[in-house]
Protein backbone atom coordinates (compact mmCIF):
# COMPACT_ATOMS: atom_id res chain seq x y z
CA UNK A 1 -316.79 63.88 -22.81
CA UNK A 2 -316.99 60.99 -25.26
CA UNK A 3 -320.26 60.24 -26.95
CA UNK A 4 -322.15 57.16 -25.92
CA UNK A 5 -322.57 54.61 -28.70
CA UNK A 6 -326.13 54.02 -29.73
CA UNK A 7 -327.67 50.62 -30.27
CA UNK A 8 -327.75 51.31 -33.99
CA UNK A 9 -324.01 51.90 -34.04
CA UNK A 10 -323.42 48.69 -32.09
CA UNK A 11 -325.62 46.78 -34.53
CA UNK A 12 -323.77 48.17 -37.52
CA UNK A 13 -320.39 47.26 -35.94
CA UNK A 14 -321.57 43.69 -35.43
CA UNK A 15 -322.86 43.58 -39.03
CA UNK A 16 -319.51 44.71 -40.43
CA UNK A 17 -317.60 42.28 -38.22
CA UNK A 18 -319.82 39.44 -39.43
CA UNK A 19 -319.26 40.36 -43.08
CA UNK A 20 -315.49 40.46 -42.54
CA UNK A 21 -315.62 37.16 -40.69
CA UNK A 22 -317.55 35.61 -43.58
CA UNK A 23 -315.72 37.13 -46.57
CA UNK A 24 -312.28 37.94 -45.23
CA UNK A 25 -311.01 41.17 -46.70
CA UNK A 26 -313.50 43.64 -48.13
CA UNK A 27 -313.11 47.11 -49.68
CA UNK A 28 -314.89 50.13 -48.28
CA UNK A 29 -316.94 50.27 -51.46
CA UNK A 30 -318.05 46.64 -51.09
CA UNK A 31 -319.07 47.21 -47.47
CA UNK A 32 -321.12 50.17 -48.58
CA UNK A 33 -322.92 48.01 -51.15
CA UNK A 34 -323.48 45.18 -48.65
CA UNK A 35 -324.76 47.31 -45.74
CA UNK A 36 -326.59 50.03 -47.68
CA UNK A 37 -324.89 52.66 -45.54
CA UNK A 38 -323.34 55.86 -46.89
CA UNK A 39 -319.59 56.24 -47.26
CA UNK A 40 -319.38 58.49 -44.21
CA UNK A 41 -321.46 56.03 -42.12
CA UNK A 42 -319.42 52.98 -43.02
CA UNK A 43 -316.14 54.87 -42.58
CA UNK A 44 -317.23 56.04 -39.11
CA UNK A 45 -318.01 52.37 -38.16
CA UNK A 46 -314.69 51.15 -39.58
CA UNK A 47 -312.73 53.83 -37.73
CA UNK A 48 -314.47 52.87 -34.46
CA UNK A 49 -313.61 49.22 -35.02
CA UNK A 50 -310.02 50.15 -35.95
CA UNK A 51 -309.72 52.24 -32.75
CA UNK A 52 -310.95 49.17 -30.76
CA UNK A 53 -308.29 47.10 -32.53
CA UNK A 54 -310.85 44.78 -34.10
CA UNK A 55 -310.16 45.59 -37.77
CA UNK A 56 -307.28 46.98 -39.73
CA UNK A 57 -306.94 48.77 -43.02
CA UNK A 58 -304.67 47.28 -45.69
CA UNK A 59 -303.84 49.54 -48.58
CA UNK A 60 -303.07 48.09 -52.01
CA UNK A 61 -302.35 50.97 -54.35
CA UNK A 62 -305.36 53.31 -54.17
CA UNK A 63 -307.72 50.67 -52.81
CA UNK A 64 -308.24 50.16 -49.07
CA UNK A 65 -309.21 46.72 -47.83
CA UNK A 66 -310.44 46.01 -44.34
CA UNK A 67 -309.91 42.83 -42.43
CA UNK A 68 -310.31 41.51 -38.90
CA UNK A 69 -307.29 41.77 -36.66
CA UNK A 70 -305.99 38.31 -35.97
CA UNK A 71 -305.94 37.46 -32.25
CA UNK A 72 -303.49 34.94 -30.91
CA UNK A 73 -305.34 32.43 -28.80
CA UNK A 74 -303.36 30.02 -26.61
């Protein structure tokens, strides 16, 4: 049985989406600095958002950048 997302997780997801909307691509490290969350916390949020097809990971060498998935609106 999947775990129910808490309000705190939902708030963190919205916060990350807003940062990505504002700044475009951000590294995991930069998101950690901006949110004050630990690496495991931010990675969990990013993976949830990736699973929901809201963000995607772009690797450039050893550095991972995250950006919003572009939606095609008619």
